[in-house]
């Protein structure tokens, strides 16, 4: 009898069991079940209505045709089936119809129906099965991480890792954000400093010397007087013309080279970096860039010692140190 009811639910939307109740099928569209990570096909949900008990002849005629018996005999078999169902509810407070649902008799003698979803009674969904899906794993999927990284980019001076390297225990995502923030800050500094001075060279150690004003001298063969091409003074006397110009080697420049070991918006952090560098024997100065308000902490070295000192500074103080300028006077 249960299998016959299942076949009738496949072909129709209402199957009445006389003197017991009716099963009603309702269309349910496809849905995504995130708790199971699946996509379910369209189906027919089965509900039970206790008030529909009048015989419409559908179940009895189907049973008479299926068992090749008369209508009267089929009617008796349906009545026996209903009697067994009611007896099971009274004695066990429960009744299970395979692949249809479960009936429960509560304390107030009301029948509660719980449908099963083991079988799809919608013929249009024949052959369709549940499809598994996997959620997309995003790099930044938490609100706290997004806010922190956003602040890290806009306000790097408020973060611990704005200049100093990050700790090894920090997550990989924070590493990526810190590198991006440093690149952004470094590019901004490079553009501003490049507009300010033409002697800056951040990408190499090639010196950018200032152009010294030296009078051009024309060298003539021996036993002849050297004739200056340009005159360094506005007033020229006869004595100057007659006396040959003697070139002397230029005195060594007292200007120093400067290596940037840190750039901060907070002057306290700049002084802290200065104290740390001075404790290691370096000559350190702090200057403020009026264009962007950065406090630049620099190490002062001789021009001939730039290359060796830069490597030493990178290993002892900050691996991102760079040459700000050579043969210039910042102070």
C-alpha atoms as a PDB file:
ATOM      1  CA  UNK A   1       0.000   0.000   0.000  1.00  0.00           C
ATOM      2  CA  UNK A   2       2.828   2.423   0.837  1.00  0.00           C
ATOM      3  CA  UNK A   3       4.518   1.835  -2.545  1.00  0.00           C
ATOM      4  CA  UNK A   4       1.218   2.512  -4.305  1.00  0.00           C
ATOM      5  CA  UNK A   5       0.837   5.803  -2.418  1.00  0.00           C
ATOM      6  CA  UNK A   6       4.380   6.748  -3.502  1.00  0.00           C
ATOM      7  CA  UNK A   7       3.550   6.114  -7.171  1.00  0.00           C
ATOM      8  CA  UNK A   8       0.401   8.231  -6.895  1.00  0.00           C
ATOM      9  CA  UNK A   9       2.427  11.080  -5.340  1.00  0.00           C
ATOM     10  CA  UNK A  10       4.759  10.974  -8.348  1.00  0.00           C
ATOM     11  CA  UNK A  11       1.903  11.404 -10.843  1.00  0.00           C
ATOM     12  CA  UNK A  12      -0.380  13.676  -8.772  1.00  0.00           C
ATOM     13  CA  UNK A  13      -0.349  16.305  -6.094  1.00  0.00           C
ATOM     14  CA  UNK A  14      -3.054  14.920  -3.808  1.00  0.00           C
ATOM     15  CA  UNK A  15      -3.628  11.372  -2.528  1.00  0.00           C
ATOM     16  CA  UNK A  16      -6.533  10.899  -0.099  1.00  0.00           C
ATOM     17  CA  UNK A  17      -6.605   7.912   2.251  1.00  0.00           C
ATOM     18  CA  UNK A  18     -10.303   7.500   3.181  1.00  0.00           C
ATOM     19  CA  UNK A  19     -11.069   8.015   6.889  1.00  0.00           C
ATOM     20  CA  UNK A  20      -7.408   8.895   7.622  1.00  0.00           C
ATOM     21  CA  UNK A  21      -6.224  11.993   5.761  1.00  0.00           C
ATOM     22  CA  UNK A  22      -4.617  13.286   2.573  1.00  0.00           C
ATOM     23  CA  UNK A  23      -1.040  13.711   1.325  1.00  0.00           C
ATOM     24  CA  UNK A  24      -0.533  16.981  -0.604  1.00  0.00           C
ATOM     25  CA  UNK A  25       2.498  17.721  -2.778  1.00  0.00           C
ATOM     26  CA  UNK A  26       3.766  21.310  -3.102  1.00  0.00           C
ATOM     27  CA  UNK A  27       6.412  22.486  -5.584  1.00  0.00           C
ATOM     28  CA  UNK A  28       9.653  23.735  -4.006  1.00  0.00           C
ATOM     29  CA  UNK A  29      12.319  25.442  -6.181  1.00  0.00           C
ATOM     30  CA  UNK A  30      16.035  24.679  -6.134  1.00  0.00           C
ATOM     31  CA  UNK A  31      17.943  26.063  -3.164  1.00  0.00           C
ATOM     32  CA  UNK A  32      21.462  26.463  -1.811  1.00  0.00           C
ATOM     33  CA  UNK A  33      22.042  24.881   1.600  1.00  0.00           C
ATOM     34  CA  UNK A  34      25.092  26.585   3.049  1.00  0.00           C
ATOM     35  CA  UNK A  35      25.111  24.427   6.180  1.00  0.00           C
ATOM     36  CA  UNK A  36      25.741  21.373   3.989  1.00  0.00           C
ATOM     37  CA  UNK A  37      27.583  23.197   1.132  1.00  0.00           C
ATOM     38  CA  UNK A  38      25.182  21.750  -1.458  1.00  0.00           C
ATOM     39  CA  UNK A  39      22.780  22.901  -4.167  1.00  0.00           C
ATOM     40  CA  UNK A  40      19.511  20.972  -4.048  1.00  0.00           C
ATOM     41  CA  UNK A  41      17.387  20.476  -7.215  1.00  0.00           C
ATOM     42  CA  UNK A  42      13.675  21.414  -7.370  1.00  0.00           C
ATOM     43  CA  UNK A  43      11.476  19.026  -5.425  1.00  0.00           C
ATOM     44  CA  UNK A  44       7.927  18.307  -4.294  1.00  0.00           C
ATOM     45  CA  UNK A  45       7.391  18.781  -0.565  1.00  0.00           C
ATOM     46  CA  UNK A  46       4.833  16.434   1.016  1.00  0.00           C
ATOM     47  CA  UNK A  47       2.337  17.754   3.574  1.00  0.00           C
ATOM     48  CA  UNK A  48      -0.472  15.960   5.425  1.00  0.00           C
ATOM     49  CA  UNK A  49      -4.028  17.261   5.879  1.00  0.00           C
ATOM     50  CA  UNK A  50      -6.082  15.372   8.482  1.00  0.00           C
ATOM     51  CA  UNK A  51      -9.366  17.071   7.508  1.00  0.00           C
ATOM     52  CA  UNK A  52      -9.445  15.608   3.958  1.00  0.00           C
ATOM     53  CA  UNK A  53     -10.855  12.109   4.587  1.00  0.00           C
ATOM     54  CA  UNK A  54     -13.639  11.787   1.995  1.00  0.00           C
ATOM     55  CA  UNK A  55     -13.060   9.069  -0.554  1.00  0.00           C
ATOM     56  CA  UNK A  56     -12.306  10.424  -4.021  1.00  0.00           C
ATOM     57  CA  UNK A  57     -11.790   6.932  -5.487  1.00  0.00           C
ATOM     58  CA  UNK A  58      -8.198   7.572  -6.609  1.00  0.00           C
ATOM     59  CA  UNK A  59      -6.446   5.240  -4.158  1.00  0.00           C
ATOM     60  CA  UNK A  60      -9.095   2.468  -4.307  1.00  0.00           C
ATOM     61  CA  UNK A  61      -9.214   2.412  -8.129  1.00  0.00           C
ATOM     62  CA  UNK A  62      -5.404   2.367  -8.330  1.00  0.00           C
ATOM     63  CA  UNK A  63      -5.293  -0.551  -5.855  1.00  0.00           C
ATOM     64  CA  UNK A  64      -8.016  -2.495  -7.749  1.00  0.00           C
ATOM     65  CA  UNK A  65      -6.114  -2.045 -11.023  1.00  0.00           C
ATOM     66  CA  UNK A  66      -2.744  -2.876  -9.472  1.00  0.00           C
ATOM     67  CA  UNK A  67      -3.927  -6.032  -7.663  1.00  0.00           C
ATOM     68  CA  UNK A  68      -6.522  -7.013 -10.320  1.00  0.00           C
ATOM     69  CA  UNK A  69      -9.342  -7.125  -7.786  1.00  0.00           C
ATOM     70  CA  UNK A  70     -12.794  -5.631  -7.662  1.00  0.00           C
ATOM     71  CA  UNK A  71     -13.495  -2.156  -6.372  1.00  0.00           C
ATOM     72  CA  UNK A  72     -15.222  -3.585  -3.265  1.00  0.00           C
ATOM     73  CA  UNK A  73     -12.246  -5.784  -2.395  1.00  0.00           C
ATOM     74  CA  UNK A  74      -9.860  -2.869  -2.885  1.00  0.00           C
ATOM     75  CA  UNK A  75     -12.012  -0.758  -0.606  1.00  0.00           C
ATOM     76  CA  UNK A  76     -11.791  -3.412   2.134  1.00  0.00           C
ATOM     77  CA  UNK A  77      -7.961  -3.522   1.818  1.00  0.00           C
ATOM     78  CA  UNK A  78      -7.747   0.268   2.168  1.00  0.00           C
ATOM     79  CA  UNK A  79      -9.961   0.129   5.271  1.00  0.00           C
ATOM     80  CA  UNK A  80      -7.695  -2.533   6.823  1.00  0.00           C
ATOM     81  CA  UNK A  81      -4.645  -0.381   6.081  1.00  0.00           C
ATOM     82  CA  UNK A  82      -6.274   2.618   7.789  1.00  0.00           C
ATOM     83  CA  UNK A  83      -7.135   0.469  10.817  1.00  0.00           C
ATOM     84  CA  UNK A  84      -3.503  -0.663  11.144  1.00  0.00           C
ATOM     85  CA  UNK A  85      -2.288   2.925  10.955  1.00  0.00           C
ATOM     86  CA  UNK A  86      -4.674   4.124  13.664  1.00  0.00           C
ATOM     87  CA  UNK A  87      -3.780   1.162  15.920  1.00  0.00           C
ATOM     88  CA  UNK A  88      -0.038   1.912  15.580  1.00  0.00           C
ATOM     89  CA  UNK A  89      -0.619   5.556  16.502  1.00  0.00           C
ATOM     90  CA  UNK A  90      -2.649   4.635  19.585  1.00  0.00           C
ATOM     91  CA  UNK A  91      -0.242   1.951  20.836  1.00  0.00           C
ATOM     92  CA  UNK A  92       3.177   3.309  19.835  1.00  0.00           C
ATOM     93  CA  UNK A  93       2.355   7.023  19.443  1.00  0.00           C
ATOM     94  CA  UNK A  94       4.206   6.830  16.152  1.00  0.00           C
ATOM     95  CA  UNK A  95       3.737   5.635  12.560  1.00  0.00           C
ATOM     96  CA  UNK A  96       6.359   5.585   9.780  1.00  0.00           C
ATOM     97  CA  UNK A  97       5.572   5.337   6.068  1.00  0.00           C
ATOM     98  CA  UNK A  98       8.715   4.575   4.078  1.00  0.00           C
ATOM     99  CA  UNK A  99      10.112   7.539   2.027  1.00  0.00           C
ATOM    100  CA  UNK A 100       6.988   9.570   2.873  1.00  0.00           C
ATOM    101  CA  UNK A 101       7.142  10.670   6.494  1.00  0.00           C
ATOM    102  CA  UNK A 102       6.509   9.977  10.142  1.00  0.00           C
ATOM    103  CA  UNK A 103       3.285  10.463  12.145  1.00  0.00           C
ATOM    104  CA  UNK A 104       3.436  11.313  15.852  1.00  0.00           C
ATOM    105  CA  UNK A 105       0.471  11.372  18.230  1.00  0.00           C
ATOM    106  CA  UNK A 106       0.974  14.143  20.827  1.00  0.00           C
ATOM    107  CA  UNK A 107      -0.468  14.408  24.343  1.00  0.00           C
ATOM    108  CA  UNK A 108      -3.620  16.106  23.019  1.00  0.00           C
ATOM    109  CA  UNK A 109      -4.225  13.251  20.531  1.00  0.00           C
ATOM    110  CA  UNK A 110      -3.333  15.441  17.583  1.00  0.00           C
ATOM    111  CA  UNK A 111      -1.408  13.881  14.710  1.00  0.00           C
ATOM    112  CA  UNK A 112       1.840  15.637  13.799  1.00  0.00           C
ATOM    113  CA  UNK A 113       3.434  14.816  10.426  1.00  0.00           C
ATOM    114  CA  UNK A 114       7.174  15.056   9.693  1.00  0.00           C
ATOM    115  CA  UNK A 115       7.973  14.578   5.968  1.00  0.00           C
ATOM    116  CA  UNK A 116      11.084  12.723   4.790  1.00  0.00           C
ATOM    117  CA  UNK A 117      13.364  14.126   2.096  1.00  0.00           C
ATOM    118  CA  UNK A 118      14.918  10.847   1.019  1.00  0.00           C
ATOM    119  CA  UNK A 119      12.914  10.731  -2.219  1.00  0.00           C
ATOM    120  CA  UNK A 120      12.065  13.438  -4.737  1.00  0.00           C
ATOM    121  CA  UNK A 121       8.460  13.113  -5.988  1.00  0.00           C
ATOM    122  CA  UNK A 122       8.867  15.790  -8.707  1.00  0.00           C
ATOM    123  CA  UNK A 123       9.134  14.066 -12.104  1.00  0.00           C
ATOM    124  CA  UNK A 124      10.648  17.194 -13.691  1.00  0.00           C
ATOM    125  CA  UNK A 125      13.698  16.698 -11.445  1.00  0.00           C
ATOM    126  CA  UNK A 126      14.223  13.092 -12.465  1.00  0.00           C
ATOM    127  CA  UNK A 127      17.942  12.290 -12.587  1.00  0.00           C
ATOM    128  CA  UNK A 128      18.993  15.497 -10.807  1.00  0.00           C
ATOM    129  CA  UNK A 129      21.161  15.063  -7.709  1.00  0.00           C
ATOM    130  CA  UNK A 130      22.566  17.322  -5.037  1.00  0.00           C
ATOM    131  CA  UNK A 131      25.682  19.175  -6.145  1.00  0.00           C
ATOM    132  CA  UNK A 132      28.502  19.930  -3.711  1.00  0.00           C
ATOM    133  CA  UNK A 133      29.973  23.424  -3.601  1.00  0.00           C
ATOM    134  CA  UNK A 134      33.011  24.880  -1.853  1.00  0.00           C
ATOM    135  CA  UNK A 135      33.045  28.389  -0.337  1.00  0.00           C
ATOM    136  CA  UNK A 136      35.538  30.901  -1.729  1.00  0.00           C
ATOM    137  CA  UNK A 137      38.492  31.402   0.597  1.00  0.00           C
ATOM    138  CA  UNK A 138      39.405  35.089   0.584  1.00  0.00           C
ATOM    139  CA  UNK A 139      42.662  36.567   1.861  1.00  0.00           C
ATOM    140  CA  UNK A 140      40.907  39.218   3.937  1.00  0.00           C
ATOM    141  CA  UNK A 141      37.644  37.731   5.191  1.00  0.00           C
ATOM    142  CA  UNK A 142      37.400  39.235   8.681  1.00  0.00           C
ATOM    143  CA  UNK A 143      36.227  42.732   9.481  1.00  0.00           C
ATOM    144  CA  UNK A 144      38.959  43.326  12.070  1.00  0.00           C
ATOM    145  CA  UNK A 145      41.734  42.393   9.619  1.00  0.00           C
ATOM    146  CA  UNK A 146      40.312  44.663   6.916  1.00  0.00           C
ATOM    147  CA  UNK A 147      40.110  47.628   9.292  1.00  0.00           C
ATOM    148  CA  UNK A 148      43.629  47.065  10.629  1.00  0.00           C
ATOM    149  CA  UNK A 149      45.160  46.780   7.162  1.00  0.00           C
ATOM    150  CA  UNK A 150      43.245  49.867   6.025  1.00  0.00           C
ATOM    151  CA  UNK A 151      44.682  51.871   8.922  1.00  0.00           C
ATOM    152  CA  UNK A 152      48.140  50.414   8.250  1.00  0.00           C
ATOM    153  CA  UNK A 153      48.159  51.867   4.723  1.00  0.00           C
ATOM    154  CA  UNK A 154      46.686  55.284   5.573  1.00  0.00           C
ATOM    155  CA  UNK A 155      48.520  55.809   8.885  1.00  0.00           C
ATOM    156  CA  UNK A 156      51.748  53.794   8.885  1.00  0.00           C
ATOM    157  CA  UNK A 157      53.206  55.992  11.640  1.00  0.00           C
ATOM    158  CA  UNK A 158      50.696  54.513  14.094  1.00  0.00           C
ATOM    159  CA  UNK A 159      51.825  50.944  13.428  1.00  0.00           C
ATOM    160  CA  UNK A 160      54.739  49.176  15.102  1.00  0.00           C
ATOM    161  CA  UNK A 161      56.074  47.861  11.798  1.00  0.00           C
ATOM    162  CA  UNK A 162      56.136  51.153   9.837  1.00  0.00           C
ATOM    163  CA  UNK A 163      59.953  51.154   9.604  1.00  0.00           C
ATOM    164  CA  UNK A 164      61.265  48.239  11.689  1.00  0.00           C
ATOM    165  CA  UNK A 165      60.903  44.720  10.266  1.00  0.00           C
ATOM    166  CA  UNK A 166      57.886  42.685  11.405  1.00  0.00           C
ATOM    167  CA  UNK A 167      58.203  39.856  13.883  1.00  0.00           C
ATOM    168  CA  UNK A 168      58.455  36.300  12.647  1.00  0.00           C
ATOM    169  CA  UNK A 169      55.265  35.315  14.460  1.00  0.00           C
ATOM    170  CA  UNK A 170      53.083  37.718  12.467  1.00  0.00           C
ATOM    171  CA  UNK A 171      50.702  36.236   9.938  1.00  0.00           C
ATOM    172  CA  UNK A 172      51.590  36.110   6.253  1.00  0.00           C
ATOM    173  CA  UNK A 173      48.770  38.512   5.388  1.00  0.00           C
ATOM    174  CA  UNK A 174      50.246  41.183   7.632  1.00  0.00           C
ATOM    175  CA  UNK A 175      53.631  40.721   5.931  1.00  0.00           C
ATOM    176  CA  UNK A 176      52.096  41.501   2.552  1.00  0.00           C
ATOM    177  CA  UNK A 177      50.298  44.584   3.900  1.00  0.00           C
ATOM    178  CA  UNK A 178      53.456  45.898   5.574  1.00  0.00           C
ATOM    179  CA  UNK A 179      55.480  45.547   2.361  1.00  0.00           C
ATOM    180  CA  UNK A 180      52.806  47.405   0.402  1.00  0.00           C
ATOM    181  CA  UNK A 181      52.738  50.184   2.996  1.00  0.00           C
ATOM    182  CA  UNK A 182      56.522  50.580   2.920  1.00  0.00           C
ATOM    183  CA  UNK A 183      56.561  50.650  -0.884  1.00  0.00           C
ATOM    184  CA  UNK A 184      53.822  53.277  -0.889  1.00  0.00           C
ATOM    185  CA  UNK A 185      55.670  55.440   1.648  1.00  0.00           C
ATOM    186  CA  UNK A 186      59.019  54.953  -0.097  1.00  0.00           C
ATOM    187  CA  UNK A 187      57.653  55.946  -3.507  1.00  0.00           C
ATOM    188  CA  UNK A 188      56.082  59.088  -2.026  1.00  0.00           C
ATOM    189  CA  UNK A 189      59.350  60.073  -0.378  1.00  0.00           C
ATOM    190  CA  UNK A 190      61.279  59.402  -3.577  1.00  0.00           C
ATOM    191  CA  UNK A 191      59.029  61.646  -5.671  1.00  0.00           C
ATOM    192  CA  UNK A 192      59.044  64.489  -3.132  1.00  0.00           C
ATOM    193  CA  UNK A 193      62.809  64.395  -2.596  1.00  0.00           C
ATOM    194  CA  UNK A 194      63.481  64.141  -6.344  1.00  0.00           C
ATOM    195  CA  UNK A 195      61.566  67.366  -6.913  1.00  0.00           C
ATOM    196  CA  UNK A 196      63.458  69.036  -4.091  1.00  0.00           C
ATOM    197  CA  UNK A 197      67.017  68.210  -5.069  1.00  0.00           C
ATOM    198  CA  UNK A 198      68.785  66.985  -8.173  1.00  0.00           C
ATOM    199  CA  UNK A 199      71.652  65.413  -6.248  1.00  0.00           C
ATOM    200  CA  UNK A 200      69.633  62.572  -4.736  1.00  0.00           C
ATOM    201  CA  UNK A 201      70.288  59.015  -5.862  1.00  0.00           C
ATOM    202  CA  UNK A 202      68.288  56.335  -4.077  1.00  0.00           C
ATOM    203  CA  UNK A 203      68.693  53.465  -6.470  1.00  0.00           C
ATOM    204  CA  UNK A 204      72.537  53.287  -6.600  1.00  0.00           C
ATOM    205  CA  UNK A 205      75.665  54.468  -4.820  1.00  0.00           C
ATOM    206  CA  UNK A 206      76.862  56.673  -7.697  1.00  0.00           C
ATOM    207  CA  UNK A 207      77.689  60.081  -6.158  1.00  0.00           C
ATOM    208  CA  UNK A 208      75.933  63.211  -7.325  1.00  0.00           C
ATOM    209  CA  UNK A 209      78.571  65.889  -6.936  1.00  0.00           C
ATOM    210  CA  UNK A 210      77.794  69.550  -6.911  1.00  0.00           C
ATOM    211  CA  UNK A 211      79.124  71.468  -9.813  1.00  0.00           C
ATOM    212  CA  UNK A 212      82.030  73.596  -8.633  1.00  0.00           C
ATOM    213  CA  UNK A 213      82.673  76.886 -10.372  1.00  0.00           C
ATOM    214  CA  UNK A 214      86.260  76.579 -11.675  1.00  0.00           C
ATOM    215  CA  UNK A 215      87.689  78.924 -14.312  1.00  0.00           C
ATOM    216  CA  UNK A 216      88.407  77.130 -17.555  1.00  0.00           C
ATOM    217  CA  UNK A 217      92.128  77.132 -18.494  1.00  0.00           C
ATOM    218  CA  UNK A 218      93.592  76.545 -21.911  1.00  0.00           C
ATOM    219  CA  UNK A 219      96.798  74.452 -21.698  1.00  0.00           C
ATOM    220  CA  UNK A 220      99.495  75.506 -24.201  1.00  0.00           C
ATOM    221  CA  UNK A 221     102.827  73.849 -25.017  1.00  0.00           C
ATOM    222  CA  UNK A 222     105.832  74.245 -22.726  1.00  0.00           C
ATOM    223  CA  UNK A 223     107.668  77.542 -22.423  1.00  0.00           C
ATOM    224  CA  UNK A 224     104.385  79.278 -23.238  1.00  0.00           C
ATOM    225  CA  UNK A 225     102.005  81.112 -21.002  1.00  0.00           C
ATOM    226  CA  UNK A 226      98.642  79.509 -20.021  1.00  0.00           C
ATOM    227  CA  UNK A 227      95.839  81.745 -21.230  1.00  0.00           C
ATOM    228  CA  UNK A 228      92.573  81.682 -19.196  1.00  0.00           C
ATOM    229  CA  UNK A 229      89.432  81.390 -21.263  1.00  0.00           C
ATOM    230  CA  UNK A 230      87.113  82.953 -18.698  1.00  0.00           C
ATOM    231  CA  UNK A 231      87.821  85.573 -16.128  1.00  0.00           C
ATOM    232  CA  UNK A 232      86.830  84.750 -12.534  1.00  0.00           C
ATOM    233  CA  UNK A 233      86.821  88.412 -11.487  1.00  0.00           C
ATOM    234  CA  UNK A 234      84.873  91.351 -12.871  1.00  0.00           C
ATOM    235  CA  UNK A 235      87.848  93.763 -12.678  1.00  0.00           C
ATOM    236  CA  UNK A 236      90.864  92.808 -14.778  1.00  0.00           C
ATOM    237  CA  UNK A 237      94.251  94.496 -14.363  1.00  0.00           C
ATOM    238  CA  UNK A 238      97.271  94.500 -16.554  1.00  0.00           C
ATOM    239  CA  UNK A 239      99.129  92.513 -13.961  1.00  0.00           C
ATOM    240  CA  UNK A 240      96.635  89.711 -14.182  1.00  0.00           C
ATOM    241  CA  UNK A 241      96.998  89.480 -17.935  1.00  0.00           C
ATOM    242  CA  UNK A 242     100.741  89.342 -17.863  1.00  0.00           C
ATOM    243  CA  UNK A 243     101.044  86.846 -15.015  1.00  0.00           C
ATOM    244  CA  UNK A 244     100.393  83.216 -16.034  1.00  0.00           C
ATOM    245  CA  UNK A 245      97.546  81.401 -14.273  1.00  0.00           C
ATOM    246  CA  UNK A 246      98.802  78.660 -11.968  1.00  0.00           C
ATOM    247  CA  UNK A 247      96.296  75.880 -11.202  1.00  0.00           C
ATOM    248  CA  UNK A 248      96.398  74.356  -7.737  1.00  0.00           C
ATOM    249  CA  UNK A 249      94.614  71.205  -6.626  1.00  0.00           C
ATOM    250  CA  UNK A 250      91.227  71.894  -5.018  1.00  0.00           C
ATOM    251  CA  UNK A 251      90.983  71.391  -1.293  1.00  0.00           C
ATOM    252  CA  UNK A 252      89.000  68.354  -0.147  1.00  0.00           C
ATOM    253  CA  UNK A 253      85.335  69.146   0.376  1.00  0.00           C
ATOM    254  CA  UNK A 254      84.128  69.193   3.954  1.00  0.00           C
ATOM    255  CA  UNK A 255      80.629  68.174   2.881  1.00  0.00           C
ATOM    256  CA  UNK A 256      79.380  64.840   4.110  1.00  0.00           C
ATOM    257  CA  UNK A 257      77.194  62.040   2.793  1.00  0.00           C
ATOM    258  CA  UNK A 258      73.901  61.181   4.531  1.00  0.00           C
ATOM    259  CA  UNK A 259      72.254  57.782   4.864  1.00  0.00           C
ATOM    260  CA  UNK A 260      68.545  57.709   5.840  1.00  0.00           C
ATOM    261  CA  UNK A 261      67.853  55.069   8.515  1.00  0.00           C
ATOM    262  CA  UNK A 262      64.232  56.050   9.198  1.00  0.00           C
ATOM    263  CA  UNK A 263      61.456  58.482   8.207  1.00  0.00           C
ATOM    264  CA  UNK A 264      58.649  59.184  10.687  1.00  0.00           C
ATOM    265  CA  UNK A 265      55.655  61.425  11.126  1.00  0.00           C
ATOM    266  CA  UNK A 266      56.258  61.174  14.905  1.00  0.00           C
ATOM    267  CA  UNK A 267      59.306  63.091  16.163  1.00  0.00           C
ATOM    268  CA  UNK A 268      59.504  60.879  19.280  1.00  0.00           C
ATOM    269  CA  UNK A 269      60.119  57.799  17.176  1.00  0.00           C
ATOM    270  CA  UNK A 270      62.737  59.667  15.157  1.00  0.00           C
ATOM    271  CA  UNK A 271      64.582  60.596  18.366  1.00  0.00           C
ATOM    272  CA  UNK A 272      64.317  57.008  19.565  1.00  0.00           C
ATOM    273  CA  UNK A 273      65.971  55.821  16.333  1.00  0.00           C
ATOM    274  CA  UNK A 274      68.652  58.497  16.741  1.00  0.00           C
ATOM    275  CA  UNK A 275      69.447  57.337  20.289  1.00  0.00           C
ATOM    276  CA  UNK A 276      69.711  53.746  19.128  1.00  0.00           C
ATOM    277  CA  UNK A 277      72.095  54.640  16.283  1.00  0.00           C
ATOM    278  CA  UNK A 278      74.253  56.923  18.450  1.00  0.00           C
ATOM    279  CA  UNK A 279      74.675  54.118  20.971  1.00  0.00           C
ATOM    280  CA  UNK A 280      76.360  52.150  18.183  1.00  0.00           C
ATOM    281  CA  UNK A 281      78.850  54.924  17.418  1.00  0.00           C
ATOM    282  CA  UNK A 282      77.153  56.723  14.502  1.00  0.00           C
ATOM    283  CA  UNK A 283      76.853  60.472  13.982  1.00  0.00           C
ATOM    284  CA  UNK A 284      73.093  61.012  13.635  1.00  0.00           C
ATOM    285  CA  UNK A 285      71.001  64.053  12.712  1.00  0.00           C
ATOM    286  CA  UNK A 286      67.260  64.695  12.477  1.00  0.00           C
ATOM    287  CA  UNK A 287      65.736  67.012   9.885  1.00  0.00           C
ATOM    288  CA  UNK A 288      62.119  67.831   9.072  1.00  0.00           C
ATOM    289  CA  UNK A 289      60.886  67.852   5.475  1.00  0.00           C
ATOM    290  CA  UNK A 290      58.628  70.881   5.076  1.00  0.00           C
ATOM    291  CA  UNK A 291      56.880  69.414   2.036  1.00  0.00           C
ATOM    292  CA  UNK A 292      55.380  66.365   3.770  1.00  0.00           C
ATOM    293  CA  UNK A 293      56.160  66.856   7.478  1.00  0.00           C
ATOM    294  CA  UNK A 294      58.409  63.785   7.797  1.00  0.00           C
ATOM    295  CA  UNK A 295      61.180  63.696  10.408  1.00  0.00           C
ATOM    296  CA  UNK A 296      64.148  62.202   8.581  1.00  0.00           C
ATOM    297  CA  UNK A 297      66.801  60.432  10.721  1.00  0.00           C
ATOM    298  CA  UNK A 298      70.163  60.319   8.900  1.00  0.00           C
ATOM    299  CA  UNK A 299      73.656  58.995   9.595  1.00  0.00           C
ATOM    300  CA  UNK A 300      76.518  61.319   8.619  1.00  0.00           C
ATOM    301  CA  UNK A 301      79.561  59.643   7.022  1.00  0.00           C
ATOM    302  CA  UNK A 302      82.524  60.518   4.855  1.00  0.00           C
ATOM    303  CA  UNK A 303      81.952  60.331   1.095  1.00  0.00           C
ATOM    304  CA  UNK A 304      84.637  57.672   0.684  1.00  0.00           C
ATOM    305  CA  UNK A 305      82.992  55.450   3.307  1.00  0.00           C
ATOM    306  CA  UNK A 306      79.454  55.522   1.936  1.00  0.00           C
ATOM    307  CA  UNK A 307      79.401  52.020   0.471  1.00  0.00           C
ATOM    308  CA  UNK A 308      80.887  50.207   3.483  1.00  0.00           C
ATOM    309  CA  UNK A 309      78.898  52.272   5.989  1.00  0.00           C
ATOM    310  CA  UNK A 310      75.626  51.652   4.128  1.00  0.00           C
ATOM    311  CA  UNK A 311      76.069  47.871   4.351  1.00  0.00           C
ATOM    312  CA  UNK A 312      76.972  48.160   8.021  1.00  0.00           C
ATOM    313  CA  UNK A 313      73.916  50.337   8.765  1.00  0.00           C
ATOM    314  CA  UNK A 314      71.642  47.879   6.981  1.00  0.00           C
ATOM    315  CA  UNK A 315      72.932  44.987   9.094  1.00  0.00           C
ATOM    316  CA  UNK A 316      72.959  46.818  12.442  1.00  0.00           C
ATOM    317  CA  UNK A 317      70.068  49.305  12.355  1.00  0.00           C
ATOM    318  CA  UNK A 318      67.621  49.047   9.455  1.00  0.00           C
ATOM    319  CA  UNK A 319      67.788  46.802   6.397  1.00  0.00           C
ATOM    320  CA  UNK A 320      65.823  49.421   4.397  1.00  0.00           C
ATOM    321  CA  UNK A 321      68.356  52.231   4.868  1.00  0.00           C
ATOM    322  CA  UNK A 322      69.268  54.189   1.725  1.00  0.00           C
ATOM    323  CA  UNK A 323      71.595  56.984   0.590  1.00  0.00           C
ATOM    324  CA  UNK A 324      69.854  60.342   0.717  1.00  0.00           C
ATOM    325  CA  UNK A 325      72.599  62.449  -0.876  1.00  0.00           C
ATOM    326  CA  UNK A 326      76.376  62.819  -1.122  1.00  0.00           C
ATOM    327  CA  UNK A 327      78.497  65.967  -0.908  1.00  0.00           C
ATOM    328  CA  UNK A 328      75.574  68.001   0.368  1.00  0.00           C
ATOM    329  CA  UNK A 329      74.961  70.047   3.477  1.00  0.00           C
ATOM    330  CA  UNK A 330      71.573  69.523   5.080  1.00  0.00           C
ATOM    331  CA  UNK A 331      72.195  71.474   8.290  1.00  0.00           C
END
